[in-house]
Amino acid sequence: MNILNASNVSKIYVEETLFDNIKLTLNSRDTVGLVGRNGEGKTTLLKLLAGLEKPSKGIISWKKNVRIGYLNQIPNYENDTSVYQCLKSVFQELNAISEQLETIENKMAEDKESIT
């Protein structure tokens, strides 16, 4: 199932073209590696795909209801923040939902015990 389509995507800064006319399709269960030299536009492409930046040209579209997490290449965290805490921060909303579900599950279990 197709979850990402990017067509004719270009990124231009002033007079420098970072990349031009990129076409990308991503399907569920695809595994992708992004490899290139420093300054070739890997981070910029990821920021475009995450919606943090706009392409100079082209269209990027995601399947409806797809959520994207992005962990900044150069994070701005306190010195005592662990790598695990940095990674976990990307999923704050999902973690909050998980905690809510656990609370509801516990209440349901308590109610069941009081009935029997």
PDB file of N, CA and C in Angstrom:
ATOM      1  N   MET A   1       0.840  -1.178   0.000  1.00  0.00           N
ATOM      2  CA  MET A   1       0.000   0.000   0.000  1.00  0.00           C
ATOM      3  C   MET A   1       0.884   1.239   0.000  1.00  0.00           C
ATOM      4  N   ASN A   2       0.590   2.155  -0.893  1.00  0.00           N
ATOM      5  CA  ASN A   2       1.370   3.369  -1.068  1.00  0.00           C
ATOM      6  C   ASN A   2       1.070   4.362   0.062  1.00  0.00           C
ATOM      7  N   ILE A   3       2.129   4.809   0.763  1.00  0.00           N
ATOM      8  CA  ILE A   3       1.919   5.773   1.848  1.00  0.00           C
ATOM      9  C   ILE A   3       2.553   7.138   1.581  1.00  0.00           C
ATOM     10  N   LEU A   4       3.483   7.210   0.619  1.00  0.00           N
ATOM     11  CA  LEU A   4       4.134   8.484   0.295  1.00  0.00           C
ATOM     12  C   LEU A   4       4.343   8.587  -1.206  1.00  0.00           C
ATOM     13  N   ASN A   5       4.024   9.751  -1.735  1.00  0.00           N
ATOM     14  CA  ASN A   5       4.343  10.092  -3.117  1.00  0.00           C
ATOM     15  C   ASN A   5       5.005  11.454  -3.132  1.00  0.00           C
ATOM     16  N   ALA A   6       6.144  11.523  -3.753  1.00  0.00           N
ATOM     17  CA  ALA A   6       6.821  12.799  -3.967  1.00  0.00           C
ATOM     18  C   ALA A   6       7.157  12.866  -5.451  1.00  0.00           C
ATOM     19  N   SER A   7       6.746  13.935  -6.092  1.00  0.00           N
ATOM     20  CA  SER A   7       7.006  14.027  -7.528  1.00  0.00           C
ATOM     21  C   SER A   7       7.574  15.394  -7.892  1.00  0.00           C
ATOM     22  N   ASN A   8       8.617  15.346  -8.707  1.00  0.00           N
ATOM     23  CA  ASN A   8       9.291  16.546  -9.218  1.00  0.00           C
ATOM     24  C   ASN A   8       9.705  17.507  -8.108  1.00  0.00           C
ATOM     25  N   VAL A   9      10.183  16.944  -6.993  1.00  0.00           N
ATOM     26  CA  VAL A   9      10.566  17.762  -5.840  1.00  0.00           C
ATOM     27  C   VAL A   9      11.956  18.353  -6.059  1.00  0.00           C
ATOM     28  N   SER A  10      12.034  19.654  -5.861  1.00  0.00           N
ATOM     29  CA  SER A  10      13.298  20.375  -5.976  1.00  0.00           C
ATOM     30  C   SER A  10      13.465  21.272  -4.764  1.00  0.00           C
ATOM     31  N   LYS A  11      14.711  21.504  -4.389  1.00  0.00           N
ATOM     32  CA  LYS A  11      15.011  22.454  -3.308  1.00  0.00           C
ATOM     33  C   LYS A  11      16.143  23.351  -3.783  1.00  0.00           C
ATOM     34  N   ILE A  12      15.827  24.644  -3.795  1.00  0.00           N
ATOM     35  CA  ILE A  12      16.781  25.630  -4.283  1.00  0.00           C
ATOM     36  C   ILE A  12      16.953  26.699  -3.210  1.00  0.00           C
ATOM     37  N   TYR A  13      18.209  26.974  -2.855  1.00  0.00           N
ATOM     38  CA  TYR A  13      18.537  28.053  -1.924  1.00  0.00           C
ATOM     39  C   TYR A  13      19.227  29.160  -2.720  1.00  0.00           C
ATOM     40  N   VAL A  14      18.626  30.319  -2.771  1.00  0.00           N
ATOM     41  CA  VAL A  14      19.110  31.473  -3.524  1.00  0.00           C
ATOM     42  C   VAL A  14      19.405  31.027  -4.961  1.00  0.00           C
ATOM     43  N   GLU A  15      20.660  30.807  -5.306  1.00  0.00           N
ATOM     44  CA  GLU A  15      21.000  30.385  -6.662  1.00  0.00           C
ATOM     45  C   GLU A  15      21.584  28.980  -6.701  1.00  0.00           C
ATOM     46  N   GLU A  16      21.578  28.272  -5.572  1.00  0.00           N
ATOM     47  CA  GLU A  16      22.141  26.920  -5.526  1.00  0.00           C
ATOM     48  C   GLU A  16      21.021  25.882  -5.483  1.00  0.00           C
ATOM     49  N   THR A  17      21.036  24.979  -6.461  1.00  0.00           N
ATOM     50  CA  THR A  17      20.072  23.886  -6.494  1.00  0.00           C
ATOM     51  C   THR A  17      20.661  22.718  -5.710  1.00  0.00           C
ATOM     52  N   LEU A  18      19.993  22.368  -4.610  1.00  0.00           N
ATOM     53  CA  LEU A  18      20.455  21.264  -3.775  1.00  0.00           C
ATOM     54  C   LEU A  18      20.100  19.934  -4.426  1.00  0.00           C
ATOM     55  N   PHE A  19      18.850  19.810  -4.880  1.00  0.00           N
ATOM     56  CA  PHE A  19      18.436  18.665  -5.690  1.00  0.00           C
ATOM     57  C   PHE A  19      17.266  19.089  -6.559  1.00  0.00           C
ATOM     58  N   ASP A  20      17.054  18.331  -7.639  1.00  0.00           N
ATOM     59  CA  ASP A  20      16.086  18.740  -8.634  1.00  0.00           C
ATOM     60  C   ASP A  20      15.305  17.544  -9.163  1.00  0.00           C
ATOM     61  N   ASN A  21      13.989  17.707  -9.260  1.00  0.00           N
ATOM     62  CA  ASN A  21      13.098  16.708  -9.865  1.00  0.00           C
ATOM     63  C   ASN A  21      13.195  15.316  -9.244  1.00  0.00           C
ATOM     64  N   ILE A  22      13.214  15.247  -7.919  1.00  0.00           N
ATOM     65  CA  ILE A  22      13.240  13.958  -7.233  1.00  0.00           C
ATOM     66  C   ILE A  22      11.851  13.337  -7.284  1.00  0.00           C
ATOM     67  N   LYS A  23      11.819  12.053  -7.562  1.00  0.00           N
ATOM     68  CA  LYS A  23      10.566  11.302  -7.517  1.00  0.00           C
ATOM     69  C   LYS A  23      10.768  10.176  -6.506  1.00  0.00           C
ATOM     70  N   LEU A  24       9.803  10.018  -5.597  1.00  0.00           N
ATOM     71  CA  LEU A  24       9.929   9.023  -4.542  1.00  0.00           C
ATOM     72  C   LEU A  24       8.563   8.444  -4.232  1.00  0.00           C
ATOM     73  N   THR A  25       8.504   7.132  -4.152  1.00  0.00           N
ATOM     74  CA  THR A  25       7.293   6.440  -3.721  1.00  0.00           C
ATOM     75  C   THR A  25       7.688   5.511  -2.592  1.00  0.00           C
ATOM     76  N   LEU A  26       6.911   5.541  -1.520  1.00  0.00           N
ATOM     77  CA  LEU A  26       7.175   4.693  -0.366  1.00  0.00           C
ATOM     78  C   LEU A  26       5.915   3.891  -0.077  1.00  0.00           C
ATOM     79  N   ASN A  27       6.080   2.587   0.002  1.00  0.00           N
ATOM     80  CA  ASN A  27       4.969   1.692   0.301  1.00  0.00           C
ATOM     81  C   ASN A  27       5.118   1.152   1.714  1.00  0.00           C
ATOM     82  N   SER A  28       3.994   0.736   2.309  1.00  0.00           N
ATOM     83  CA  SER A  28       4.079   0.151   3.643  1.00  0.00           C
ATOM     84  C   SER A  28       5.004  -1.056   3.576  1.00  0.00           C
ATOM     85  N   ARG A  29       5.740  -1.251   4.643  1.00  0.00           N
ATOM     86  CA  ARG A  29       6.727  -2.323   4.787  1.00  0.00           C
ATOM     87  C   ARG A  29       8.011  -2.114   3.978  1.00  0.00           C
ATOM     88  N   ASP A  30       8.142  -0.982   3.285  1.00  0.00           N
ATOM     89  CA  ASP A  30       9.400  -0.679   2.601  1.00  0.00           C
ATOM     90  C   ASP A  30      10.460  -0.332   3.638  1.00  0.00           C
ATOM     91  N   THR A  31      11.684  -0.683   3.337  1.00  0.00           N
ATOM     92  CA  THR A  31      12.827  -0.280   4.141  1.00  0.00           C
ATOM     93  C   THR A  31      13.706   0.578   3.255  1.00  0.00           C
ATOM     94  N   VAL A  32      14.053   1.762   3.751  1.00  0.00           N
ATOM     95  CA  VAL A  32      14.773   2.720   2.920  1.00  0.00           C
ATOM     96  C   VAL A  32      16.036   3.174   3.631  1.00  0.00           C
ATOM     97  N   GLY A  33      17.124   3.285   2.886  1.00  0.00           N
ATOM     98  CA  GLY A  33      18.357   3.870   3.391  1.00  0.00           C
ATOM     99  C   GLY A  33      18.664   5.117   2.588  1.00  0.00           C
ATOM    100  N   LEU A  34      19.087   6.165   3.251  1.00  0.00           N
ATOM    101  CA  LEU A  34      19.420   7.413   2.578  1.00  0.00           C
ATOM    102  C   LEU A  34      20.909   7.655   2.792  1.00  0.00           C
ATOM    103  N   VAL A  35      21.667   7.572   1.717  1.00  0.00           N
ATOM    104  CA  VAL A  35      23.120   7.630   1.804  1.00  0.00           C
ATOM    105  C   VAL A  35      23.636   8.729   0.880  1.00  0.00           C
ATOM    106  N   GLY A  36      24.615   9.462   1.349  1.00  0.00           N
ATOM    107  CA  GLY A  36      25.226  10.491   0.519  1.00  0.00           C
ATOM    108  C   GLY A  36      26.293  11.239   1.291  1.00  0.00           C
ATOM    109  N   ARG A  37      27.072  12.007   0.561  1.00  0.00           N
ATOM    110  CA  ARG A  37      28.129  12.791   1.189  1.00  0.00           C
ATOM    111  C   ARG A  37      27.534  13.960   1.966  1.00  0.00           C
ATOM    112  N   ASN A  38      28.322  14.535   2.846  1.00  0.00           N
ATOM    113  CA  ASN A  38      27.905  15.714   3.603  1.00  0.00           C
ATOM    114  C   ASN A  38      27.543  16.845   2.637  1.00  0.00           C
ATOM    115  N   GLY A  39      26.447  17.514   2.927  1.00  0.00           N
ATOM    116  CA  GLY A  39      26.047  18.647   2.110  1.00  0.00           C
ATOM    117  C   GLY A  39      25.278  18.293   0.852  1.00  0.00           C
ATOM    118  N   GLU A  40      24.941  17.033   0.675  1.00  0.00           N
ATOM    119  CA  GLU A  40      24.234  16.609  -0.538  1.00  0.00           C
ATOM    120  C   GLU A  40      22.723  16.778  -0.436  1.00  0.00           C
ATOM    121  N   GLY A  41      22.188  17.040   0.777  1.00  0.00           N
ATOM    122  CA  GLY A  41      20.763  17.316   0.916  1.00  0.00           C
ATOM    123  C   GLY A  41      19.949  16.238   1.608  1.00  0.00           C
ATOM    124  N   LYS A  42      20.603  15.292   2.273  1.00  0.00           N
ATOM    125  CA  LYS A  42      19.870  14.213   2.963  1.00  0.00           C
ATOM    126  C   LYS A  42      18.952  14.772   4.052  1.00  0.00           C
ATOM    127  N   THR A  43      19.486  15.612   4.907  1.00  0.00           N
ATOM    128  CA  THR A  43      18.690  16.186   5.993  1.00  0.00           C
ATOM    129  C   THR A  43      17.591  17.074   5.445  1.00  0.00           C
ATOM    130  N   THR A  44      17.891  17.849   4.435  1.00  0.00           N
ATOM    131  CA  THR A  44      16.884  18.714   3.826  1.00  0.00           C
ATOM    132  C   THR A  44      15.752  17.882   3.237  1.00  0.00           C
ATOM    133  N   LEU A  45      16.075  16.796   2.572  1.00  0.00           N
ATOM    134  CA  LEU A  45      15.037  15.927   2.009  1.00  0.00           C
ATOM    135  C   LEU A  45      14.154  15.361   3.116  1.00  0.00           C
ATOM    136  N   LEU A  46      14.759  14.918   4.202  1.00  0.00           N
ATOM    137  CA  LEU A  46      13.973  14.395   5.317  1.00  0.00           C
ATOM    138  C   LEU A  46      13.079  15.477   5.932  1.00  0.00           C
ATOM    139  N   LYS A  47      13.595  16.701   6.026  1.00  0.00           N
ATOM    140  CA  LYS A  47      12.777  17.798   6.545  1.00  0.00           C
ATOM    141  C   LYS A  47      11.610  18.100   5.611  1.00  0.00           C
ATOM    142  N   LEU A  48      11.836  17.996   4.319  1.00  0.00           N
ATOM    143  CA  LEU A  48      10.746  18.184   3.356  1.00  0.00           C
ATOM    144  C   LEU A  48       9.688  17.105   3.537  1.00  0.00           C
ATOM    145  N   LEU A  49      10.133  15.862   3.652  1.00  0.00           N
ATOM    146  CA  LEU A  49       9.203  14.748   3.799  1.00  0.00           C
ATOM    147  C   LEU A  49       8.428  14.833   5.112  1.00  0.00           C
ATOM    148  N   ALA A  50       9.073  15.365   6.149  1.00  0.00           N
ATOM    149  CA  ALA A  50       8.418  15.509   7.451  1.00  0.00           C
ATOM    150  C   ALA A  50       7.519  16.740   7.510  1.00  0.00           C
ATOM    151  N   GLY A  51       7.577  17.583   6.484  1.00  0.00           N
ATOM    152  CA  GLY A  51       6.744  18.777   6.456  1.00  0.00           C
ATOM    153  C   GLY A  51       7.334  19.944   7.220  1.00  0.00           C
ATOM    154  N   LEU A  52       8.590  19.851   7.610  1.00  0.00           N
ATOM    155  CA  LEU A  52       9.239  20.936   8.349  1.00  0.00           C
ATOM    156  C   LEU A  52       9.719  22.053   7.421  1.00  0.00           C
ATOM    157  N   GLU A  53       9.934  21.713   6.158  1.00  0.00           N
ATOM    158  CA  GLU A  53      10.302  22.692   5.137  1.00  0.00           C
ATOM    159  C   GLU A  53       9.430  22.441   3.914  1.00  0.00           C
ATOM    160  N   LYS A  54       9.330  23.449   3.068  1.00  0.00           N
ATOM    161  CA  LYS A  54       8.549  23.347   1.839  1.00  0.00           C
ATOM    162  C   LYS A  54       9.496  23.179   0.649  1.00  0.00           C
ATOM    163  N   PRO A  55       9.112  22.341  -0.310  1.00  0.00           N
ATOM    164  CA  PRO A  55       9.947  22.226  -1.510  1.00  0.00           C
ATOM    165  C   PRO A  55       9.864  23.507  -2.346  1.00  0.00           C
ATOM    166  N   SER A  56      10.924  23.801  -3.083  1.00  0.00           N
ATOM    167  CA  SER A  56      10.900  24.933  -4.002  1.00  0.00           C
ATOM    168  C   SER A  56       9.951  24.640  -5.155  1.00  0.00           C
ATOM    169  N   LYS A  57       9.943  23.377  -5.573  1.00  0.00           N
ATOM    170  CA  LYS A  57       9.022  22.910  -6.615  1.00  0.00           C
ATOM    171  C   LYS A  57       8.602  21.489  -6.264  1.00  0.00           C
ATOM    172  N   GLY A  58       7.492  21.069  -6.808  1.00  0.00           N
ATOM    173  CA  GLY A  58       7.056  19.696  -6.651  1.00  0.00           C
ATOM    174  C   GLY A  58       6.007  19.510  -5.574  1.00  0.00           C
ATOM    175  N   ILE A  59       5.551  18.260  -5.466  1.00  0.00           N
ATOM    176  CA  ILE A  59       4.471  17.907  -4.549  1.00  0.00           C
ATOM    177  C   ILE A  59       4.888  16.709  -3.712  1.00  0.00           C
ATOM    178  N   ILE A  60       4.619  16.795  -2.405  1.00  0.00           N
ATOM    179  CA  ILE A  60       4.837  15.687  -1.479  1.00  0.00           C
ATOM    180  C   ILE A  60       3.505  15.389  -0.820  1.00  0.00           C
ATOM    181  N   SER A  61       3.048  14.152  -0.935  1.00  0.00           N
ATOM    182  CA  SER A  61       1.768  13.797  -0.323  1.00  0.00           C
ATOM    183  C   SER A  61       1.884  12.462   0.403  1.00  0.00           C
ATOM    184  N   TRP A  62       1.271  12.429   1.585  1.00  0.00           N
ATOM    185  CA  TRP A  62       1.251  11.246   2.431  1.00  0.00           C
ATOM    186  C   TRP A  62      -0.154  10.667   2.446  1.00  0.00           C
ATOM    187  N   LYS A  63      -0.257   9.385   2.669  1.00  0.00           N
ATOM    188  CA  LYS A  63      -1.556   8.747   2.842  1.00  0.00           C
ATOM    189  C   LYS A  63      -2.265   9.410   4.021  1.00  0.00           C
ATOM    190  N   LYS A  64      -3.564   9.515   3.923  1.00  0.00           N
ATOM    191  CA  LYS A  64      -4.363  10.122   4.984  1.00  0.00           C
ATOM    192  C   LYS A  64      -4.125   9.400   6.313  1.00  0.00           C
ATOM    193  N   ASN A  65      -4.046  10.171   7.390  1.00  0.00           N
ATOM    194  CA  ASN A  65      -3.869   9.689   8.767  1.00  0.00           C
ATOM    195  C   ASN A  65      -2.497   9.103   9.060  1.00  0.00           C
ATOM    196  N   VAL A  66      -1.522   9.296   8.196  1.00  0.00           N
ATOM    197  CA  VAL A  66      -0.148   8.871   8.489  1.00  0.00           C
ATOM    198  C   VAL A  66       0.486   9.933   9.372  1.00  0.00           C
ATOM    199  N   ARG A  67       1.122   9.513  10.451  1.00  0.00           N
ATOM    200  CA  ARG A  67       1.789  10.437  11.368  1.00  0.00           C
ATOM    201  C   ARG A  67       3.293  10.289  11.177  1.00  0.00           C
ATOM    202  N   ILE A  68       3.990  11.406  11.202  1.00  0.00           N
ATOM    203  CA  ILE A  68       5.428  11.411  10.959  1.00  0.00           C
ATOM    204  C   ILE A  68       6.141  11.941  12.193  1.00  0.00           C
ATOM    205  N   GLY A  69       7.142  11.199  12.659  1.00  0.00           N
ATOM    206  CA  GLY A  69       7.992  11.662  13.747  1.00  0.00           C
ATOM    207  C   GLY A  69       9.334  12.068  13.174  1.00  0.00           C
ATOM    208  N   TYR A  70       9.901  13.124  13.681  1.00  0.00           N
ATOM    209  CA  TYR A  70      11.194  13.597  13.195  1.00  0.00           C
ATOM    210  C   TYR A  70      12.083  13.923  14.379  1.00  0.00           C
ATOM    211  N   LEU A  71      13.257  13.349  14.389  1.00  0.00           N
ATOM    212  CA  LEU A  71      14.243  13.633  15.419  1.00  0.00           C
ATOM    213  C   LEU A  71      15.343  14.465  14.774  1.00  0.00           C
ATOM    214  N   ASN A  72      15.521  15.683  15.249  1.00  0.00           N
ATOM    215  CA  ASN A  72      16.469  16.616  14.663  1.00  0.00           C
ATOM    216  C   ASN A  72      17.892  16.052  14.667  1.00  0.00           C
ATOM    217  N   GLN A  73      18.603  16.293  13.590  1.00  0.00           N
ATOM    218  CA  GLN A  73      19.981  15.816  13.462  1.00  0.00           C
ATOM    219  C   GLN A  73      20.883  16.412  14.542  1.00  0.00           C
ATOM    220  N   ILE A  74      20.671  17.662  14.850  1.00  0.00           N
ATOM    221  CA  ILE A  74      21.436  18.333  15.898  1.00  0.00           C
ATOM    222  C   ILE A  74      20.432  18.771  16.953  1.00  0.00           C
ATOM    223  N   PRO A  75      20.116  17.863  17.887  1.00  0.00           N
ATOM    224  CA  PRO A  75      19.070  18.177  18.859  1.00  0.00           C
ATOM    225  C   PRO A  75      19.514  19.233  19.857  1.00  0.00           C
ATOM    226  N   ASN A  76      18.530  19.911  20.413  1.00  0.00           N
ATOM    227  CA  ASN A  76      18.791  20.938  21.411  1.00  0.00           C
ATOM    228  C   ASN A  76      18.204  20.459  22.737  1.00  0.00           C
ATOM    229  N   TYR A  77      18.921  19.563  23.395  1.00  0.00           N
ATOM    230  CA  TYR A  77      18.480  18.998  24.665  1.00  0.00           C
ATOM    231  C   TYR A  77      19.443  19.401  25.770  1.00  0.00           C
ATOM    232  N   GLU A  78      18.955  19.297  26.999  1.00  0.00           N
ATOM    233  CA  GLU A  78      19.821  19.548  28.157  1.00  0.00           C
ATOM    234  C   GLU A  78      20.946  18.515  28.171  1.00  0.00           C
ATOM    235  N   ASN A  79      22.065  18.848  28.772  1.00  0.00           N
ATOM    236  CA  ASN A  79      23.236  17.968  28.790  1.00  0.00           C
ATOM    237  C   ASN A  79      22.981  16.631  29.474  1.00  0.00           C
ATOM    238  N   ASP A  80      22.058  16.584  30.438  1.00  0.00           N
ATOM    239  CA  ASP A  80      21.825  15.345  31.176  1.00  0.00           C
ATOM    240  C   ASP A  80      20.725  14.484  30.544  1.00  0.00           C
ATOM    241  N   THR A  81      20.264  14.818  29.325  1.00  0.00           N
ATOM    242  CA  THR A  81      19.230  14.036  28.638  1.00  0.00           C
ATOM    243  C   THR A  81      19.880  12.834  27.962  1.00  0.00           C
ATOM    244  N   SER A  82      19.309  11.656  28.215  1.00  0.00           N
ATOM    245  CA  SER A  82      19.864  10.436  27.616  1.00  0.00           C
ATOM    246  C   SER A  82      19.384  10.277  26.171  1.00  0.00           C
ATOM    247  N   VAL A  83      20.059   9.439  25.414  1.00  0.00           N
ATOM    248  CA  VAL A  83      19.663   9.154  24.039  1.00  0.00           C
ATOM    249  C   VAL A  83      18.245   8.574  24.030  1.00  0.00           C
ATOM    250  N   TYR A  84      17.965   7.688  24.981  1.00  0.00           N
ATOM    251  CA  TYR A  84      16.635   7.088  25.077  1.00  0.00           C
ATOM    252  C   TYR A  84      15.562   8.163  25.262  1.00  0.00           C
ATOM    253  N   GLN A  85      15.821   9.140  26.115  1.00  0.00           N
ATOM    254  CA  GLN A  85      14.860  10.222  26.343  1.00  0.00           C
ATOM    255  C   GLN A  85      14.652  11.050  25.072  1.00  0.00           C
ATOM    256  N   CYS A  86      15.723  11.276  24.326  1.00  0.00           N
ATOM    257  CA  CYS A  86      15.609  12.016  23.059  1.00  0.00           C
ATOM    258  C   CYS A  86      14.727  11.256  22.080  1.00  0.00           C
ATOM    259  N   LEU A  87      14.984   9.961  21.925  1.00  0.00           N
ATOM    260  CA  LEU A  87      14.202   9.148  21.002  1.00  0.00           C
ATOM    261  C   LEU A  87      12.746   9.052  21.445  1.00  0.00           C
ATOM    262  N   LYS A  88      12.534   8.919  22.744  1.00  0.00           N
ATOM    263  CA  LYS A  88      11.176   8.792  23.286  1.00  0.00           C
ATOM    264  C   LYS A  88      10.374  10.070  23.057  1.00  0.00           C
ATOM    265  N   SER A  89      11.036  11.219  23.032  1.00  0.00           N
ATOM    266  CA  SER A  89      10.336  12.494  22.882  1.00  0.00           C
ATOM    267  C   SER A  89       9.602  12.601  21.551  1.00  0.00           C
ATOM    268  N   VAL A  90      10.070  11.895  20.532  1.00  0.00           N
ATOM    269  CA  VAL A  90       9.413  11.919  19.233  1.00  0.00           C
ATOM    270  C   VAL A  90       8.015  11.311  19.331  1.00  0.00           C
ATOM    271  N   PHE A  91       7.839  10.394  20.278  1.00  0.00           N
ATOM    272  CA  PHE A  91       6.587   9.663  20.399  1.00  0.00           C
ATOM    273  C   PHE A  91       5.754  10.116  21.604  1.00  0.00           C
ATOM    274  N   GLN A  92       5.906  11.357  22.036  1.00  0.00           N
ATOM    275  CA  GLN A  92       5.190  11.853  23.214  1.00  0.00           C
ATOM    276  C   GLN A  92       3.687  11.658  23.103  1.00  0.00           C
ATOM    277  N   GLU A  93       3.112  11.993  21.956  1.00  0.00           N
ATOM    278  CA  GLU A  93       1.662  11.884  21.798  1.00  0.00           C
ATOM    279  C   GLU A  93       1.218  10.423  21.871  1.00  0.00           C
ATOM    280  N   LEU A  94       1.954   9.526  21.210  1.00  0.00           N
ATOM    281  CA  LEU A  94       1.608   8.105  21.264  1.00  0.00           C
ATOM    282  C   LEU A  94       1.764   7.555  22.677  1.00  0.00           C
ATOM    283  N   ASN A  95       2.785   8.006  23.384  1.00  0.00           N
ATOM    284  CA  ASN A  95       2.981   7.557  24.764  1.00  0.00           C
ATOM    285  C   ASN A  95       1.835   8.023  25.655  1.00  0.00           C
ATOM    286  N   ALA A  96       1.356   9.239  25.440  1.00  0.00           N
ATOM    287  CA  ALA A  96       0.228   9.748  26.226  1.00  0.00           C
ATOM    288  C   ALA A  96      -1.029   8.922  25.960  1.00  0.00           C
ATOM    289  N   ILE A  97      -1.268   8.571  24.710  1.00  0.00           N
ATOM    290  CA  ILE A  97      -2.422   7.735  24.361  1.00  0.00           C
ATOM    291  C   ILE A  97      -2.288   6.362  25.006  1.00  0.00           C
ATOM    292  N   SER A  98      -1.088   5.800  24.979  1.00  0.00           N
ATOM    293  CA  SER A  98      -0.839   4.501  25.594  1.00  0.00           C
ATOM    294  C   SER A  98      -1.135   4.537  27.097  1.00  0.00           C
ATOM    295  N   GLU A  99      -0.720   5.613  27.758  1.00  0.00           N
ATOM    296  CA  GLU A  99      -0.987   5.760  29.190  1.00  0.00           C
ATOM    297  C   GLU A  99      -2.484   5.868  29.459  1.00  0.00           C
ATOM    298  N   GLN A 100      -3.204   6.597  28.613  1.00  0.00           N
ATOM    299  CA  GLN A 100      -4.656   6.723  28.768  1.00  0.00           C
ATOM    300  C   GLN A 100      -5.334   5.362  28.610  1.00  0.00           C
ATOM    301  N   LEU A 101      -4.900   4.599  27.627  1.00  0.00           N
ATOM    302  CA  LEU A 101      -5.470   3.266  27.415  1.00  0.00           C
ATOM    303  C   LEU A 101      -5.200   2.354  28.610  1.00  0.00           C
ATOM    304  N   GLU A 102      -4.009   2.449  29.177  1.00  0.00           N
ATOM    305  CA  GLU A 102      -3.676   1.633  30.350  1.00  0.00           C
ATOM    306  C   GLU A 102      -4.558   2.012  31.545  1.00  0.00           C
ATOM    307  N   THR A 103      -4.805   3.302  31.721  1.00  0.00           N
ATOM    308  CA  THR A 103      -5.692   3.761  32.798  1.00  0.00           C
ATOM    309  C   THR A 103      -7.098   3.207  32.605  1.00  0.00           C
ATOM    310  N   ILE A 104      -7.605   3.277  31.391  1.00  0.00           N
ATOM    311  CA  ILE A 104      -8.940   2.751  31.088  1.00  0.00           C
ATOM    312  C   ILE A 104      -8.983   1.243  31.317  1.00  0.00           C
ATOM    313  N   GLU A 105      -7.931   0.555  30.883  1.00  0.00           N
ATOM    314  CA  GLU A 105      -7.858  -0.898  31.077  1.00  0.00           C
ATOM    315  C   GLU A 105      -7.896  -1.247  32.570  1.00  0.00           C
ATOM    316  N   ASN A 106      -7.157  -0.516  33.377  1.00  0.00           N
ATOM    317  CA  ASN A 106      -7.144  -0.767  34.825  1.00  0.00           C
ATOM    318  C   ASN A 106      -8.509  -0.512  35.449  1.00  0.00           C
ATOM    319  N   LYS A 107      -9.197   0.556  35.016  1.00  0.00           N
ATOM    320  CA  LYS A 107     -10.534   0.848  35.534  1.00  0.00           C
ATOM    321  C   LYS A 107     -11.511  -0.258  35.141  1.00  0.00           C
ATOM    322  N   MET A 108     -11.394  -0.753  33.920  1.00  0.00           N
ATOM    323  CA  MET A 108     -12.270  -1.833  33.466  1.00  0.00           C
ATOM    324  C   MET A 108     -12.027  -3.097  34.282  1.00  0.00           C
ATOM    325  N   ALA A 109     -10.769  -3.380  34.598  1.00  0.00           N
ATOM    326  CA  ALA A 109     -10.435  -4.567  35.393  1.00  0.00           C
ATOM    327  C   ALA A 109     -10.991  -4.419  36.809  1.00  0.00           C
ATOM    328  N   GLU A 110     -10.901  -3.220  37.397  1.00  0.00           N
ATOM    329  CA  GLU A 110     -11.445  -2.973  38.733  1.00  0.00           C
ATOM    330  C   GLU A 110     -12.961  -3.147  38.738  1.00  0.00           C
ATOM    331  N   ASP A 111     -13.636  -2.605  37.738  1.00  0.00           N
ATOM    332  CA  ASP A 111     -15.085  -2.714  37.656  1.00  0.00           C
ATOM    333  C   ASP A 111     -15.524  -4.174  37.523  1.00  0.00           C
ATOM    334  N   LYS A 112     -14.783  -4.954  36.767  1.00  0.00           N
ATOM    335  CA  LYS A 112     -15.106  -6.366  36.569  1.00  0.00           C
ATOM    336  C   LYS A 112     -14.996  -7.121  37.888  1.00  0.00           C
ATOM    337  N   GLU A 113     -13.962  -6.788  38.672  1.00  0.00           N
ATOM    338  CA  GLU A 113     -13.760  -7.467  39.966  1.00  0.00           C
ATOM    339  C   GLU A 113     -14.863  -7.106  40.941  1.00  0.00           C
ATOM    340  N   SER A 114     -15.389  -5.889  40.897  1.00  0.00           N
ATOM    341  CA  SER A 114     -16.447  -5.500  41.831  1.00  0.00           C
ATOM    342  C   SER A 114     -17.791  -6.123  41.467  1.00  0.00           C
ATOM    343  N   ILE A 115     -17.969  -6.526  40.219  1.00  0.00           N
ATOM    344  CA  ILE A 115     -19.200  -7.158  39.771  1.00  0.00           C
ATOM    345  C   ILE A 115     -19.276  -8.616  40.244  1.00  0.00           C
ATOM    346  N   THR A 116     -18.161  -9.306  40.218  1.00  0.00           N
ATOM    347  CA  THR A 116     -18.173 -10.748  40.572  1.00  0.00           C
ATOM    348  C   THR A 116     -18.102 -10.989  42.049  1.00  0.00           C
TER     349      THR A 116
END
